[in-house]
C-alpha atoms as a PDB file:
ATOM      1  CA  MET A   1     -69.148 -14.646 -47.174  1.00  0.00           C
ATOM      2  CA  ALA A   2     -66.787 -14.878 -44.715  1.00  0.00           C
ATOM      3  CA  ASN A   3     -68.186 -13.668 -41.286  1.00  0.00           C
ATOM      4  CA  LEU A   4     -67.010  -9.780 -40.224  1.00  0.00           C
ATOM      5  CA  LEU A   5     -66.505  -9.154 -37.007  1.00  0.00           C
ATOM      6  CA  PRO A   6     -68.274  -5.581 -35.796  1.00  0.00           C
ATOM      7  CA  ASP A   7     -66.448  -2.385 -37.056  1.00  0.00           C
ATOM      8  CA  ASN A   8     -66.737  -0.953 -33.357  1.00  0.00           C
ATOM      9  CA  LEU A   9     -65.448  -3.676 -31.542  1.00  0.00           C
ATOM     10  CA  VAL A  10     -62.002  -4.680 -33.732  1.00  0.00           C
ATOM     11  CA  PRO A  11     -61.087  -2.419 -30.955  1.00  0.00           C
ATOM     12  CA  HIS A  12     -61.563  -4.132 -28.024  1.00  0.00           C
ATOM     13  CA  LEU A  13     -60.816  -7.608 -29.868  1.00  0.00           C
ATOM     14  CA  GLN A  14     -57.136  -6.846 -30.835  1.00  0.00           C
ATOM     15  CA  SER A  15     -56.413  -5.655 -26.848  1.00  0.00           C
ATOM     16  CA  VAL A  16     -58.519  -9.047 -26.647  1.00  0.00           C
ATOM     17  CA  ASN A  17     -55.626 -10.785 -28.495  1.00  0.00           C
ATOM     18  CA  GLN A  18     -52.647  -8.894 -27.122  1.00  0.00           C
ATOM     19  CA  ARG A  19     -52.865  -8.902 -23.335  1.00  0.00           C
ATOM     20  CA  MET A  20     -54.190 -12.690 -23.622  1.00  0.00           C
ATOM     21  CA  PHE A  21     -52.327 -14.111 -27.001  1.00  0.00           C
ATOM     22  CA  ASP A  22     -49.389 -12.162 -27.038  1.00  0.00           C
ATOM     23  CA  GLY A  23     -50.785 -11.292 -30.694  1.00  0.00           C
ATOM     24  CA  ARG A  24     -51.203 -15.320 -31.632  1.00  0.00           C
ATOM     25  CA  ALA A  25     -55.284 -15.690 -31.786  1.00  0.00           C
ATOM     26  CA  PRO A  26     -57.136 -14.382 -34.563  1.00  0.00           C
ATOM     27  CA  LEU A  27     -59.609 -11.759 -33.487  1.00  0.00           C
ATOM     28  CA  ASP A  28     -62.364 -13.995 -33.009  1.00  0.00           C
ATOM     29  CA  PHE A  29     -60.246 -16.235 -30.614  1.00  0.00           C
ATOM     30  CA  TRP A  30     -63.289 -18.615 -29.751  1.00  0.00           C
ATOM     31  CA  ARG A  31     -62.701 -20.221 -33.253  1.00  0.00           C
ATOM     32  CA  TRP A  32     -58.862 -20.765 -31.784  1.00  0.00           C
ATOM     33  CA  GLY A  33     -57.187 -23.052 -29.186  1.00  0.00           C
ATOM     34  CA  ASN A  34     -59.161 -25.037 -26.679  1.00  0.00           C
ATOM     35  CA  GLU A  35     -61.995 -24.381 -23.674  1.00  0.00           C
ATOM     36  CA  GLN A  36     -59.710 -22.745 -21.456  1.00  0.00           C
ATOM     37  CA  SER A  37     -57.943 -19.931 -24.122  1.00  0.00           C
ATOM     38  CA  MET A  38     -61.717 -19.207 -25.191  1.00  0.00           C
ATOM     39  CA  VAL A  39     -62.349 -18.343 -21.662  1.00  0.00           C
ATOM     40  CA  THR A  40     -59.889 -16.367 -20.694  1.00  0.00           C
ATOM     41  CA  GLY A  41     -60.667 -14.780 -23.528  1.00  0.00           C
ATOM     42  CA  PHE A  42     -64.154 -14.067 -22.975  1.00  0.00           C
ATOM     43  CA  MET A  43     -63.576 -13.056 -19.208  1.00  0.00           C
ATOM     44  CA  ASP A  44     -61.129 -10.292 -20.361  1.00  0.00           C
ATOM     45  CA  LEU A  45     -63.293  -8.994 -23.384  1.00  0.00           C
ATOM     46  CA  ALA A  46     -66.357  -8.646 -20.315  1.00  0.00           C
ATOM     47  CA  GLY A  47     -64.023  -6.845 -18.498  1.00  0.00           C
ATOM     48  CA  LEU A  48     -63.653  -4.810 -20.965  1.00  0.00           C
ATOM     49  CA  LEU A  49     -66.889  -4.313 -22.894  1.00  0.00           C
ATOM     50  CA  GLN A  50     -68.318  -3.341 -19.216  1.00  0.00           C
ATOM     51  CA  LEU A  51     -65.474  -0.353 -18.870  1.00  0.00           C
ATOM     52  CA  ALA A  52     -66.751   0.751 -22.537  1.00  0.00           C
ATOM     53  CA  ALA A  53     -69.954   0.801 -21.781  1.00  0.00           C
ATOM     54  CA  LEU A  54     -69.158   3.165 -18.409  1.00  0.00           C
ATOM     55  CA  ASN A  55     -67.337   5.246 -20.574  1.00  0.00           C
ATOM     56  CA  GLY A  56     -70.191   5.945 -22.923  1.00  0.00           C
ATOM     57  CA  GLU A  57     -69.934   3.569 -25.463  1.00  0.00           C
ATOM     58  CA  SER A  58     -73.670   2.268 -26.622  1.00  0.00           C
ATOM     59  CA  PRO A  59     -73.644  -1.553 -25.774  1.00  0.00           C
ATOM     60  CA  ASP A  60     -76.941  -1.208 -28.030  1.00  0.00           C
ATOM     61  CA  THR A  61     -74.415  -0.822 -30.807  1.00  0.00           C
ATOM     62  CA  TRP A  62     -73.408  -4.440 -30.384  1.00  0.00           C
ATOM     63  CA  PRO A  63     -74.718  -7.470 -31.544  1.00  0.00           C
ATOM     64  CA  ASN A  64     -76.282  -8.793 -28.770  1.00  0.00           C
ATOM     65  CA  GLY A  65     -73.768 -11.891 -28.046  1.00  0.00           C
ATOM     66  CA  TYR A  66     -71.908  -9.240 -26.207  1.00  0.00           C
ATOM     67  CA  ARG A  67     -73.853  -7.543 -24.292  1.00  0.00           C
ATOM     68  CA  MET A  68     -74.151 -11.654 -23.344  1.00  0.00           C
ATOM     69  CA  ILE A  69     -71.015 -11.698 -22.737  1.00  0.00           C
ATOM     70  CA  MET A  70     -70.530  -8.410 -20.845  1.00  0.00           C
ATOM     71  CA  LEU A  71     -73.757  -9.369 -18.152  1.00  0.00           C
ATOM     72  CA  LEU A  72     -72.764 -12.809 -18.085  1.00  0.00           C
ATOM     73  CA  PHE A  73     -68.922 -13.386 -17.899  1.00  0.00           C
ATOM     74  CA  ASN A  74     -68.741  -9.909 -15.434  1.00  0.00           C
ATOM     75  CA  TRP A  75     -71.175 -11.424 -13.404  1.00  0.00           C
ATOM     76  CA  GLU A  76     -68.683 -14.377 -13.231  1.00  0.00           C
ATOM     77  CA  ALA A  77     -65.265 -12.768 -12.380  1.00  0.00           C
ATOM     78  CA  SER A  78     -67.765 -11.134  -9.612  1.00  0.00           C
ATOM     79  CA  ALA A  79     -68.474 -14.418  -8.440  1.00  0.00           C
ATOM     80  CA  GLN A  80     -65.110 -15.168  -7.622  1.00  0.00           C
ATOM     81  CA  SER A  81     -63.604 -11.909  -6.784  1.00  0.00           C
ATOM     82  CA  ASP A  82     -66.845 -10.612  -4.393  1.00  0.00           C
ATOM     83  CA  GLY A  83     -67.793 -13.899  -3.296  1.00  0.00           C
ATOM     84  CA  TRP A  84     -71.644 -13.316  -2.225  1.00  0.00           C
ATOM     85  CA  SER A  85     -71.906  -9.734  -1.492  1.00  0.00           C
ATOM     86  CA  GLN A  86     -71.962  -9.620  -4.890  1.00  0.00           C
ATOM     87  CA  TYR A  87     -75.730 -10.974  -4.659  1.00  0.00           C
ATOM     88  CA  PHE A  88     -76.425  -7.728  -2.320  1.00  0.00           C
ATOM     89  CA  SER A  89     -74.579  -5.043  -4.083  1.00  0.00           C
ATOM     90  CA  THR A  90     -75.842  -6.049  -8.198  1.00  0.00           C
ATOM     91  CA  PRO A  91     -79.047  -4.603  -8.854  1.00  0.00           C
ATOM     92  CA  ASP A  92     -82.703  -7.150  -9.738  1.00  0.00           C
ATOM     93  CA  GLU A  93     -82.887  -5.825 -12.896  1.00  0.00           C
ATOM     94  CA  GLN A  94     -79.277  -6.872 -13.819  1.00  0.00           C
ATOM     95  CA  VAL A  95     -79.433 -10.426 -12.289  1.00  0.00           C
ATOM     96  CA  ALA A  96     -82.849 -11.018 -13.310  1.00  0.00           C
ATOM     97  CA  SER A  97     -80.941 -10.084 -16.733  1.00  0.00           C
ATOM     98  CA  VAL A  98     -78.120 -12.790 -15.916  1.00  0.00           C
ATOM     99  CA  CYS A  99     -80.519 -15.666 -15.087  1.00  0.00           C
ATOM    100  CA  SER A 100     -82.518 -14.950 -18.341  1.00  0.00           C
ATOM    101  CA  LEU A 101     -79.285 -15.377 -20.079  1.00  0.00           C
ATOM    102  CA  TYR A 102     -78.133 -18.160 -18.038  1.00  0.00           C
ATOM    103  CA  LYS A 103     -81.189 -19.971 -18.937  1.00  0.00           C
ATOM    104  CA  PHE A 104     -81.594 -18.680 -22.781  1.00  0.00           C
ATOM    105  CA  VAL A 105     -77.095 -20.336 -22.893  1.00  0.00           C
ATOM    106  CA  GLY A 106     -78.880 -23.846 -21.968  1.00  0.00           C
ATOM    107  CA  LEU A 107     -78.266 -23.222 -17.883  1.00  0.00           C
ATOM    108  CA  PRO A 108     -81.210 -22.835 -15.807  1.00  0.00           C
ATOM    109  CA  GLU A 109     -80.601 -24.531 -13.052  1.00  0.00           C
ATOM    110  CA  GLU A 110     -78.095 -21.887 -12.197  1.00  0.00           C
ATOM    111  CA  ALA A 111     -81.317 -19.547 -13.386  1.00  0.00           C
ATOM    112  CA  GLU A 112     -82.808 -21.335 -10.440  1.00  0.00           C
ATOM    113  CA  ALA A 113     -79.603 -21.202  -8.354  1.00  0.00           C
ATOM    114  CA  ILE A 114     -79.025 -17.842  -8.661  1.00  0.00           C
ATOM    115  CA  SER A 115     -82.644 -16.889  -8.150  1.00  0.00           C
ATOM    116  CA  LYS A 116     -82.915 -19.068  -4.675  1.00  0.00           C
ATOM    117  CA  ALA A 117     -79.903 -17.267  -3.214  1.00  0.00           C
ATOM    118  CA  ARG A 118     -81.445 -13.699  -4.043  1.00  0.00           C
ATOM    119  CA  GLU A 119     -84.839 -14.505  -2.794  1.00  0.00           C
ATOM    120  CA  VAL A 120     -82.534 -14.901   0.903  1.00  0.00           C
ATOM    121  CA  VAL A 121     -81.653 -11.584   0.421  1.00  0.00           C
ATOM    122  CA  GLY A 122     -85.296 -10.218  -0.162  1.00  0.00           C
ATOM    123  CA  ARG A 123     -85.977 -11.941   3.618  1.00  0.00           C
ATOM    124  CA  GLY A 124     -82.995  -9.882   5.038  1.00  0.00           C
ATOM    125  CA  GLY A 125     -80.867 -13.024   5.225  1.00  0.00           C
ATOM    126  CA  ASN A 126     -76.992 -12.762   5.260  1.00  0.00           C
ATOM    127  CA  GLU A 127     -73.833 -14.090   3.024  1.00  0.00           C
ATOM    128  CA  ALA A 128     -73.751 -17.441   4.892  1.00  0.00           C
ATOM    129  CA  ASP A 129     -78.158 -17.918   4.038  1.00  0.00           C
ATOM    130  CA  VAL A 130     -77.416 -17.032   0.401  1.00  0.00           C
ATOM    131  CA  SER A 131     -74.281 -19.616  -0.208  1.00  0.00           C
ATOM    132  CA  ALA A 132     -76.853 -22.152   1.486  1.00  0.00           C
ATOM    133  CA  ALA A 133     -79.560 -21.743  -0.689  1.00  0.00           C
ATOM    134  CA  TYR A 134     -77.033 -21.351  -3.926  1.00  0.00           C
ATOM    135  CA  ALA A 135     -75.171 -24.565  -2.626  1.00  0.00           C
ATOM    136  CA  ALA A 136     -79.015 -26.858  -2.162  1.00  0.00           C
ATOM    137  CA  SER A 137     -79.814 -26.025  -6.053  1.00  0.00           C
ATOM    138  CA  ARG A 138     -76.477 -26.918  -6.742  1.00  0.00           C
ATOM    139  CA  HIS A 139     -76.600 -28.817 -10.799  1.00  0.00           C
ATOM    140  CA  ALA A 140     -74.408 -30.210 -12.754  1.00  0.00           C
ATOM    141  CA  LEU A 141     -72.406 -26.925 -13.765  1.00  0.00           C
ATOM    142  CA  SER A 142     -72.199 -25.788 -10.366  1.00  0.00           C
ATOM    143  CA  VAL A 143     -68.400 -25.406 -10.293  1.00  0.00           C
ATOM    144  CA  ASP A 144     -67.751 -21.598 -12.113  1.00  0.00           C
ATOM    145  CA  LEU A 145     -64.792 -23.657 -14.449  1.00  0.00           C
ATOM    146  CA  ASP A 146     -67.440 -26.192 -15.707  1.00  0.00           C
ATOM    147  CA  ARG A 147     -69.472 -23.358 -15.772  1.00  0.00           C
ATOM    148  CA  LEU A 148     -67.324 -21.023 -17.853  1.00  0.00           C
ATOM    149  CA  GLU A 149     -66.248 -23.223 -20.260  1.00  0.00           C
ATOM    150  CA  HIS A 150     -70.017 -24.818 -21.550  1.00  0.00           C
ATOM    151  CA  LEU A 151     -69.862 -20.789 -21.550  1.00  0.00           C
ATOM    152  CA  ALA A 152     -67.273 -20.365 -23.591  1.00  0.00           C
ATOM    153  CA  LYS A 153     -68.826 -23.332 -25.823  1.00  0.00           C
ATOM    154  CA  TRP A 154     -72.332 -21.860 -26.295  1.00  0.00           C
ATOM    155  CA  PHE A 155     -70.811 -19.090 -27.719  1.00  0.00           C
ATOM    156  CA  ARG A 156     -68.339 -20.181 -29.871  1.00  0.00           C
ATOM    157  CA  ASP A 157     -71.329 -22.751 -31.232  1.00  0.00           C
ATOM    158  CA  ASN A 158     -73.809 -19.490 -31.894  1.00  0.00           C
ATOM    159  CA  ALA A 159     -70.382 -17.431 -32.924  1.00  0.00           C
ATOM    160  CA  ASP A 160     -72.236 -17.158 -36.765  1.00  0.00           C
ATOM    161  CA  PHE A 161     -75.756 -15.508 -35.202  1.00  0.00           C
ATOM    162  CA  TYR A 162     -74.641 -13.429 -31.650  1.00  0.00           C
ATOM    163  CA  LEU A 163     -70.865 -11.585 -32.958  1.00  0.00           C
ATOM    164  CA  TYR A 164     -70.080 -11.281 -35.952  1.00  0.00           C
ATOM    165  CA  LYS A 165     -72.469  -8.555 -38.678  1.00  0.00           C
ATOM    166  CA  VAL A 166     -75.801  -9.312 -39.237  1.00  0.00           C
END
């Protein structure tokens, strides 16, 4: 039996396909192209999912993988655009969810680095202190592109369980 994409997410996947791949990719773009094209698609999808959630679409109606994509790739996008300030502006519950998800997808070292950096915020540290705490927990995938490629591969390799209809 073929994997079926969730009906309520098809419009978002069509948008990613048009915006990022000029309509050349299948809707399940993670089965097409290389790691960089997957990263591009997942980053765009995460933003669209966040916007959909903010506009009243319930993430509870999505397969778990799409909620995971929304949290992890938006965290990464925020790190790229906001830098260390995201550690001050992101609610504790969301940071805890992101850390749990990093552990789940095989990046416990990243979860630890984020947790240590966030602890500094709780002690009144500034952005330089947060940066130093994160740097003290450097690991093999501390570089964002390496981490994003790991995430993209994880979702590709686990798509049958997390991205299709059950």
